Amino acid sequence: MTPENRAAYWKANLSLLSVLLVIWFVVSYGFGILLVDVFNTISIGGYRLGFWFAQQGSIYTFIVLIFFYAWRMNALDQKFDVHE
């Protein structure tokens, strides 16, 4: 792997990580703590949405982000020819 490819691979990896961490932060901290009163005005299935994000939504989002990261990293590995 050339140094240019290595740098491009690392840059793509860091940009993916940055986007996913921002999404996780917004869902867990923003929706679950900062905007809880706004989301609590919405009720789904008898539960307030702010409570759901604080208790379960951030965990579900994190699990989805893990699988999405694995899928995207496999694609990046194929693109930069560093797959197993």
PDB file of N, CA and C in Angstrom:
ATOM      1  N   MET A   1       0.851  -1.176   0.000  1.00  0.00           N
ATOM      2  CA  MET A   1       0.000   0.000   0.000  1.00  0.00           C
ATOM      3  C   MET A   1       0.895   1.237   0.000  1.00  0.00           C
ATOM      4  N   THR A   2       0.619   2.136  -0.901  1.00  0.00           N
ATOM      5  CA  THR A   2       1.424   3.346  -1.007  1.00  0.00           C
ATOM      6  C   THR A   2       1.071   4.323   0.118  1.00  0.00           C
ATOM      7  N   PRO A   3       1.976   5.229   0.436  1.00  0.00           N
ATOM      8  CA  PRO A   3       1.662   6.221   1.478  1.00  0.00           C
ATOM      9  C   PRO A   3       0.439   7.080   1.143  1.00  0.00           C
ATOM     10  N   GLU A   4       0.222   7.348  -0.151  1.00  0.00           N
ATOM     11  CA  GLU A   4      -0.952   8.146  -0.539  1.00  0.00           C
ATOM     12  C   GLU A   4      -2.245   7.363  -0.286  1.00  0.00           C
ATOM     13  N   ASN A   5      -2.226   6.069  -0.630  1.00  0.00           N
ATOM     14  CA  ASN A   5      -3.396   5.232  -0.372  1.00  0.00           C
ATOM     15  C   ASN A   5      -3.641   5.064   1.114  1.00  0.00           C
ATOM     16  N   ARG A   6      -2.561   4.920   1.875  1.00  0.00           N
ATOM     17  CA  ARG A   6      -2.682   4.781   3.319  1.00  0.00           C
ATOM     18  C   ARG A   6      -3.302   6.032   3.930  1.00  0.00           C
ATOM     19  N   ALA A   7      -2.870   7.201   3.470  1.00  0.00           N
ATOM     20  CA  ALA A   7      -3.428   8.461   3.972  1.00  0.00           C
ATOM     21  C   ALA A   7      -4.886   8.616   3.572  1.00  0.00           C
ATOM     22  N   ALA A   8      -5.223   8.241   2.341  1.00  0.00           N
ATOM     23  CA  ALA A   8      -6.616   8.341   1.881  1.00  0.00           C
ATOM     24  C   ALA A   8      -7.515   7.378   2.652  1.00  0.00           C
ATOM     25  N   TYR A   9      -7.018   6.181   2.912  1.00  0.00           N
ATOM     26  CA  TYR A   9      -7.774   5.194   3.688  1.00  0.00           C
ATOM     27  C   TYR A   9      -8.029   5.712   5.103  1.00  0.00           C
ATOM     28  N   TRP A  10      -6.999   6.252   5.723  1.00  0.00           N
ATOM     29  CA  TRP A  10      -7.132   6.767   7.085  1.00  0.00           C
ATOM     30  C   TRP A  10      -8.083   7.955   7.121  1.00  0.00           C
ATOM     31  N   LYS A  11      -7.998   8.831   6.112  1.00  0.00           N
ATOM     32  CA  LYS A  11      -8.893   9.983   6.053  1.00  0.00           C
ATOM     33  C   LYS A  11     -10.346   9.536   5.890  1.00  0.00           C
ATOM     34  N   ALA A  12     -10.594   8.548   5.037  1.00  0.00           N
ATOM     35  CA  ALA A  12     -11.949   8.031   4.849  1.00  0.00           C
ATOM     36  C   ALA A  12     -12.471   7.386   6.131  1.00  0.00           C
ATOM     37  N   ASN A  13     -11.601   6.659   6.821  1.00  0.00           N
ATOM     38  CA  ASN A  13     -11.974   6.024   8.083  1.00  0.00           C
ATOM     39  C   ASN A  13     -12.323   7.077   9.129  1.00  0.00           C
ATOM     40  N   LEU A  14     -11.503   8.107   9.258  1.00  0.00           N
ATOM     41  CA  LEU A  14     -11.768   9.155  10.252  1.00  0.00           C
ATOM     42  C   LEU A  14     -13.020   9.959   9.931  1.00  0.00           C
ATOM     43  N   SER A  15     -13.271  10.212   8.659  1.00  0.00           N
ATOM     44  CA  SER A  15     -14.484  10.957   8.321  1.00  0.00           C
ATOM     45  C   SER A  15     -15.731  10.126   8.617  1.00  0.00           C
ATOM     46  N   LEU A  16     -15.669   8.832   8.347  1.00  0.00           N
ATOM     47  CA  LEU A  16     -16.790   7.951   8.684  1.00  0.00           C
ATOM     48  C   LEU A  16     -17.013   7.917  10.198  1.00  0.00           C
ATOM     49  N   LEU A  17     -15.929   7.753  10.945  1.00  0.00           N
ATOM     50  CA  LEU A  17     -16.040   7.745  12.405  1.00  0.00           C
ATOM     51  C   LEU A  17     -16.605   9.057  12.937  1.00  0.00           C
ATOM     52  N   SER A  18     -16.160  10.172  12.369  1.00  0.00           N
ATOM     53  CA  SER A  18     -16.637  11.479  12.825  1.00  0.00           C
ATOM     54  C   SER A  18     -18.140  11.627  12.613  1.00  0.00           C
ATOM     55  N   VAL A  19     -18.607  11.245  11.450  1.00  0.00           N
ATOM     56  CA  VAL A  19     -20.048  11.348  11.158  1.00  0.00           C
ATOM     57  C   VAL A  19     -20.849  10.460  12.103  1.00  0.00           C
ATOM     58  N   LEU A  20     -20.397   9.237  12.308  1.00  0.00           N
ATOM     59  CA  LEU A  20     -21.137   8.317  13.169  1.00  0.00           C
ATOM     60  C   LEU A  20     -21.117   8.767  14.628  1.00  0.00           C
ATOM     61  N   LEU A  21     -20.003   9.314  15.086  1.00  0.00           N
ATOM     62  CA  LEU A  21     -19.953   9.819  16.460  1.00  0.00           C
ATOM     63  C   LEU A  21     -20.843  11.035  16.655  1.00  0.00           C
ATOM     64  N   VAL A  22     -20.928  11.894  15.653  1.00  0.00           N
ATOM     65  CA  VAL A  22     -21.830  13.052  15.741  1.00  0.00           C
ATOM     66  C   VAL A  22     -23.281  12.586  15.803  1.00  0.00           C
ATOM     67  N   ILE A  23     -23.628  11.604  14.973  1.00  0.00           N
ATOM     68  CA  ILE A  23     -24.992  11.063  15.013  1.00  0.00           C
ATOM     69  C   ILE A  23     -25.292  10.472  16.381  1.00  0.00           C
ATOM     70  N   TRP A  24     -24.354   9.692  16.916  1.00  0.00           N
ATOM     71  CA  TRP A  24     -24.559   9.086  18.222  1.00  0.00           C
ATOM     72  C   TRP A  24     -24.700  10.146  19.308  1.00  0.00           C
ATOM     73  N   PHE A  25     -23.873  11.191  19.247  1.00  0.00           N
ATOM     74  CA  PHE A  25     -23.942  12.260  20.232  1.00  0.00           C
ATOM     75  C   PHE A  25     -25.278  12.993  20.157  1.00  0.00           C
ATOM     76  N   VAL A  26     -25.714  13.308  18.957  1.00  0.00           N
ATOM     77  CA  VAL A  26     -26.978  14.026  18.801  1.00  0.00           C
ATOM     78  C   VAL A  26     -28.144  13.201  19.332  1.00  0.00           C
ATOM     79  N   VAL A  27     -28.153  11.916  19.029  1.00  0.00           N
ATOM     80  CA  VAL A  27     -29.257  11.067  19.472  1.00  0.00           C
ATOM     81  C   VAL A  27     -29.209  10.858  20.983  1.00  0.00           C
ATOM     82  N   SER A  28     -28.037  10.530  21.524  1.00  0.00           N
ATOM     83  CA  SER A  28     -27.978  10.201  22.949  1.00  0.00           C
ATOM     84  C   SER A  28     -28.021  11.436  23.839  1.00  0.00           C
ATOM     85  N   TYR A  29     -27.211  12.431  23.535  1.00  0.00           N
ATOM     86  CA  TYR A  29     -27.153  13.610  24.402  1.00  0.00           C
ATOM     87  C   TYR A  29     -28.195  14.649  23.997  1.00  0.00           C
ATOM     88  N   GLY A  30     -28.288  14.911  22.706  1.00  0.00           N
ATOM     89  CA  GLY A  30     -29.224  15.934  22.239  1.00  0.00           C
ATOM     90  C   GLY A  30     -30.673  15.547  22.440  1.00  0.00           C
ATOM     91  N   PHE A  31     -31.059  14.374  21.906  1.00  0.00           N
ATOM     92  CA  PHE A  31     -32.451  13.955  22.003  1.00  0.00           C
ATOM     93  C   PHE A  31     -32.806  13.452  23.397  1.00  0.00           C
ATOM     94  N   GLY A  32     -31.869  12.794  24.068  1.00  0.00           N
ATOM     95  CA  GLY A  32     -32.157  12.187  25.364  1.00  0.00           C
ATOM     96  C   GLY A  32     -32.037  13.128  26.542  1.00  0.00           C
ATOM     97  N   ILE A  33     -31.273  14.227  26.398  1.00  0.00           N
ATOM     98  CA  ILE A  33     -31.058  15.126  27.537  1.00  0.00           C
ATOM     99  C   ILE A  33     -31.467  16.560  27.214  1.00  0.00           C
ATOM    100  N   LEU A  34     -30.885  17.131  26.167  1.00  0.00           N
ATOM    101  CA  LEU A  34     -31.130  18.544  25.883  1.00  0.00           C
ATOM    102  C   LEU A  34     -32.535  18.810  25.351  1.00  0.00           C
ATOM    103  N   LEU A  35     -33.019  17.979  24.467  1.00  0.00           N
ATOM    104  CA  LEU A  35     -34.322  18.203  23.839  1.00  0.00           C
ATOM    105  C   LEU A  35     -35.414  17.290  24.388  1.00  0.00           C
ATOM    106  N   VAL A  36     -35.196  16.768  25.581  1.00  0.00           N
ATOM    107  CA  VAL A  36     -36.153  15.817  26.148  1.00  0.00           C
ATOM    108  C   VAL A  36     -37.527  16.445  26.349  1.00  0.00           C
ATOM    109  N   ASP A  37     -37.590  17.690  26.751  1.00  0.00           N
ATOM    110  CA  ASP A  37     -38.891  18.331  26.982  1.00  0.00           C
ATOM    111  C   ASP A  37     -39.649  18.528  25.669  1.00  0.00           C
ATOM    112  N   VAL A  38     -38.927  18.839  24.621  1.00  0.00           N
ATOM    113  CA  VAL A  38     -39.563  19.003  23.310  1.00  0.00           C
ATOM    114  C   VAL A  38     -40.120  17.670  22.825  1.00  0.00           C
ATOM    115  N   PHE A  39     -39.321  16.618  22.941  1.00  0.00           N
ATOM    116  CA  PHE A  39     -39.749  15.304  22.473  1.00  0.00           C
ATOM    117  C   PHE A  39     -40.786  14.664  23.389  1.00  0.00           C
ATOM    118  N   ASN A  40     -40.848  15.088  24.630  1.00  0.00           N
ATOM    119  CA  ASN A  40     -41.853  14.523  25.540  1.00  0.00           C
ATOM    120  C   ASN A  40     -43.266  14.980  25.204  1.00  0.00           C
ATOM    121  N   THR A  41     -43.403  15.975  24.342  1.00  0.00           N
ATOM    122  CA  THR A  41     -44.741  16.378  23.906  1.00  0.00           C
ATOM    123  C   THR A  41     -45.310  15.396  22.890  1.00  0.00           C
ATOM    124  N   ILE A  42     -44.449  14.547  22.346  1.00  0.00           N
ATOM    125  CA  ILE A  42     -44.877  13.530  21.375  1.00  0.00           C
ATOM    126  C   ILE A  42     -44.954  12.188  22.094  1.00  0.00           C
ATOM    127  N   SER A  43     -46.042  11.489  21.894  1.00  0.00           N
ATOM    128  CA  SER A  43     -46.230  10.197  22.534  1.00  0.00           C
ATOM    129  C   SER A  43     -46.402   9.121  21.475  1.00  0.00           C
ATOM    130  N   ILE A  44     -45.617   8.054  21.603  1.00  0.00           N
ATOM    131  CA  ILE A  44     -45.708   6.922  20.683  1.00  0.00           C
ATOM    132  C   ILE A  44     -45.889   5.659  21.516  1.00  0.00           C
ATOM    133  N   GLY A  45     -46.967   4.957  21.289  1.00  0.00           N
ATOM    134  CA  GLY A  45     -47.230   3.720  22.017  1.00  0.00           C
ATOM    135  C   GLY A  45     -47.420   3.927  23.507  1.00  0.00           C
ATOM    136  N   GLY A  46     -47.871   5.091  23.901  1.00  0.00           N
ATOM    137  CA  GLY A  46     -48.100   5.368  25.313  1.00  0.00           C
ATOM    138  C   GLY A  46     -46.871   5.879  26.060  1.00  0.00           C
ATOM    139  N   TYR A  47     -45.743   5.961  25.374  1.00  0.00           N
ATOM    140  CA  TYR A  47     -44.508   6.447  25.998  1.00  0.00           C
ATOM    141  C   TYR A  47     -44.116   7.776  25.375  1.00  0.00           C
ATOM    142  N   ARG A  48     -43.599   8.656  26.223  1.00  0.00           N
ATOM    143  CA  ARG A  48     -43.120   9.934  25.708  1.00  0.00           C
ATOM    144  C   ARG A  48     -41.839   9.707  24.918  1.00  0.00           C
ATOM    145  N   LEU A  49     -41.708  10.377  23.789  1.00  0.00           N
ATOM    146  CA  LEU A  49     -40.587  10.166  22.887  1.00  0.00           C
ATOM    147  C   LEU A  49     -39.257  10.556  23.527  1.00  0.00           C
ATOM    148  N   GLY A  50     -39.232  11.597  24.329  1.00  0.00           N
ATOM    149  CA  GLY A  50     -38.003  11.993  25.016  1.00  0.00           C
ATOM    150  C   GLY A  50     -37.525  10.918  25.971  1.00  0.00           C
ATOM    151  N   PHE A  51     -38.443  10.317  26.691  1.00  0.00           N
ATOM    152  CA  PHE A  51     -38.100   9.216  27.593  1.00  0.00           C
ATOM    153  C   PHE A  51     -37.573   8.025  26.807  1.00  0.00           C
ATOM    154  N   TRP A  52     -38.220   7.722  25.663  1.00  0.00           N
ATOM    155  CA  TRP A  52     -37.783   6.594  24.848  1.00  0.00           C
ATOM    156  C   TRP A  52     -36.365   6.799  24.329  1.00  0.00           C
ATOM    157  N   PHE A  53     -36.052   8.008  23.843  1.00  0.00           N
ATOM    158  CA  PHE A  53     -34.697   8.279  23.361  1.00  0.00           C
ATOM    159  C   PHE A  53     -33.684   8.158  24.491  1.00  0.00           C
ATOM    160  N   ALA A  54     -34.037   8.631  25.668  1.00  0.00           N
ATOM    161  CA  ALA A  54     -33.098   8.576  26.786  1.00  0.00           C
ATOM    162  C   ALA A  54     -32.864   7.148  27.260  1.00  0.00           C
ATOM    163  N   GLN A  55     -33.876   6.310  27.219  1.00  0.00           N
ATOM    164  CA  GLN A  55     -33.758   4.965  27.767  1.00  0.00           C
ATOM    165  C   GLN A  55     -33.381   3.916  26.737  1.00  0.00           C
ATOM    166  N   GLN A  56     -33.971   3.970  25.549  1.00  0.00           N
ATOM    167  CA  GLN A  56     -33.757   2.903  24.577  1.00  0.00           C
ATOM    168  C   GLN A  56     -33.286   3.390  23.220  1.00  0.00           C
ATOM    169  N   GLY A  57     -33.698   4.539  22.812  1.00  0.00           N
ATOM    170  CA  GLY A  57     -33.396   5.030  21.473  1.00  0.00           C
ATOM    171  C   GLY A  57     -31.919   5.185  21.208  1.00  0.00           C
ATOM    172  N   SER A  58     -31.183   5.679  22.193  1.00  0.00           N
ATOM    173  CA  SER A  58     -29.746   5.849  21.983  1.00  0.00           C
ATOM    174  C   SER A  58     -29.041   4.500  21.891  1.00  0.00           C
ATOM    175  N   ILE A  59     -29.517   3.509  22.610  1.00  0.00           N
ATOM    176  CA  ILE A  59     -28.920   2.170  22.544  1.00  0.00           C
ATOM    177  C   ILE A  59     -29.206   1.540  21.192  1.00  0.00           C
ATOM    178  N   TYR A  60     -30.449   1.628  20.716  1.00  0.00           N
ATOM    179  CA  TYR A  60     -30.789   1.081  19.401  1.00  0.00           C
ATOM    180  C   TYR A  60     -30.001   1.791  18.298  1.00  0.00           C
ATOM    181  N   THR A  61     -29.885   3.094  18.423  1.00  0.00           N
ATOM    182  CA  THR A  61     -29.115   3.854  17.440  1.00  0.00           C
ATOM    183  C   THR A  61     -27.659   3.415  17.441  1.00  0.00           C
ATOM    184  N   PHE A  62     -27.087   3.211  18.617  1.00  0.00           N
ATOM    185  CA  PHE A  62     -25.699   2.772  18.717  1.00  0.00           C
ATOM    186  C   PHE A  62     -25.499   1.415  18.049  1.00  0.00           C
ATOM    187  N   ILE A  63     -26.431   0.496  18.248  1.00  0.00           N
ATOM    188  CA  ILE A  63     -26.319  -0.832  17.638  1.00  0.00           C
ATOM    189  C   ILE A  63     -26.410  -0.728  16.116  1.00  0.00           C
ATOM    190  N   VAL A  64     -27.319   0.093  15.608  1.00  0.00           N
ATOM    191  CA  VAL A  64     -27.432   0.296  14.168  1.00  0.00           C
ATOM    192  C   VAL A  64     -26.141   0.912  13.621  1.00  0.00           C
ATOM    193  N   LEU A  65     -25.571   1.867  14.352  1.00  0.00           N
ATOM    194  CA  LEU A  65     -24.329   2.495  13.914  1.00  0.00           C
ATOM    195  C   LEU A  65     -23.166   1.507  13.880  1.00  0.00           C
ATOM    196  N   ILE A  66     -23.127   0.560  14.791  1.00  0.00           N
ATOM    197  CA  ILE A  66     -22.073  -0.460  14.788  1.00  0.00           C
ATOM    198  C   ILE A  66     -22.151  -1.298  13.518  1.00  0.00           C
ATOM    199  N   PHE A  67     -23.357  -1.765  13.173  1.00  0.00           N
ATOM    200  CA  PHE A  67     -23.506  -2.567  11.967  1.00  0.00           C
ATOM    201  C   PHE A  67     -23.240  -1.746  10.704  1.00  0.00           C
ATOM    202  N   PHE A  68     -23.662  -0.491  10.704  1.00  0.00           N
ATOM    203  CA  PHE A  68     -23.396   0.378   9.564  1.00  0.00           C
ATOM    204  C   PHE A  68     -21.893   0.615   9.408  1.00  0.00           C
ATOM    205  N   TYR A  69     -21.192   0.821  10.516  1.00  0.00           N
ATOM    206  CA  TYR A  69     -19.740   1.021  10.468  1.00  0.00           C
ATOM    207  C   TYR A  69     -19.039  -0.216   9.920  1.00  0.00           C
ATOM    208  N   ALA A  70     -19.438  -1.382  10.354  1.00  0.00           N
ATOM    209  CA  ALA A  70     -18.828  -2.614   9.860  1.00  0.00           C
ATOM    210  C   ALA A  70     -19.077  -2.773   8.362  1.00  0.00           C
ATOM    211  N   TRP A  71     -20.276  -2.482   7.917  1.00  0.00           N
ATOM    212  CA  TRP A  71     -20.599  -2.576   6.496  1.00  0.00           C
ATOM    213  C   TRP A  71     -19.779  -1.596   5.673  1.00  0.00           C
ATOM    214  N   ARG A  72     -19.693  -0.335   6.126  1.00  0.00           N
ATOM    215  CA  ARG A  72     -18.935   0.683   5.388  1.00  0.00           C
ATOM    216  C   ARG A  72     -17.432   0.398   5.417  1.00  0.00           C
ATOM    217  N   MET A  73     -16.921  -0.117   6.529  1.00  0.00           N
ATOM    218  CA  MET A  73     -15.498  -0.427   6.597  1.00  0.00           C
ATOM    219  C   MET A  73     -15.156  -1.587   5.672  1.00  0.00           C
ATOM    220  N   ASN A  74     -16.042  -2.554   5.529  1.00  0.00           N
ATOM    221  CA  ASN A  74     -15.814  -3.623   4.559  1.00  0.00           C
ATOM    222  C   ASN A  74     -15.730  -3.057   3.145  1.00  0.00           C
ATOM    223  N   ALA A  75     -16.587  -2.102   2.840  1.00  0.00           N
ATOM    224  CA  ALA A  75     -16.549  -1.466   1.522  1.00  0.00           C
ATOM    225  C   ALA A  75     -15.260  -0.666   1.343  1.00  0.00           C
ATOM    226  N   LEU A  76     -14.833   0.044   2.390  1.00  0.00           N
ATOM    227  CA  LEU A  76     -13.573   0.792   2.307  1.00  0.00           C
ATOM    228  C   LEU A  76     -12.380  -0.149   2.164  1.00  0.00           C
ATOM    229  N   ASP A  77     -12.405  -1.242   2.881  1.00  0.00           N
ATOM    230  CA  ASP A  77     -11.325  -2.224   2.769  1.00  0.00           C
ATOM    231  C   ASP A  77     -11.224  -2.765   1.346  1.00  0.00           C
ATOM    232  N   GLN A  78     -12.368  -3.035   0.735  1.00  0.00           N
ATOM    233  CA  GLN A  78     -12.377  -3.507  -0.649  1.00  0.00           C
ATOM    234  C   GLN A  78     -11.847  -2.428  -1.594  1.00  0.00           C
ATOM    235  N   LYS A  79     -12.276  -1.198  -1.368  1.00  0.00           N
ATOM    236  CA  LYS A  79     -11.875  -0.094  -2.235  1.00  0.00           C
ATOM    237  C   LYS A  79     -10.364   0.129  -2.200  1.00  0.00           C
ATOM    238  N   PHE A  80      -9.774   0.054  -1.014  1.00  0.00           N
ATOM    239  CA  PHE A  80      -8.340   0.307  -0.862  1.00  0.00           C
ATOM    240  C   PHE A  80      -7.505  -0.987  -0.862  1.00  0.00           C
ATOM    241  N   ASP A  81      -8.150  -2.089  -1.163  1.00  0.00           N
ATOM    242  CA  ASP A  81      -7.490  -3.387  -1.288  1.00  0.00           C
ATOM    243  C   ASP A  81      -6.715  -3.779  -0.017  1.00  0.00           C
ATOM    244  N   VAL A  82      -7.373  -3.630   1.117  1.00  0.00           N
ATOM    245  CA  VAL A  82      -6.788  -4.081   2.387  1.00  0.00           C
ATOM    246  C   VAL A  82      -7.707  -5.085   3.071  1.00  0.00           C
ATOM    247  N   HIS A  83      -8.590  -5.687   2.288  1.00  0.00           N
ATOM    248  CA  HIS A  83      -9.524  -6.674   2.856  1.00  0.00           C
ATOM    249  C   HIS A  83      -8.792  -7.979   3.170  1.00  0.00           C
ATOM    250  N   GLU A  84      -9.456  -8.785   3.962  1.00  0.00           N
ATOM    251  CA  GLU A  84      -8.843 -10.041   4.398  1.00  0.00           C
ATOM    252  C   GLU A  84      -8.878 -11.090   3.328  1.00  0.00           C
TER     253      GLU A  84
END
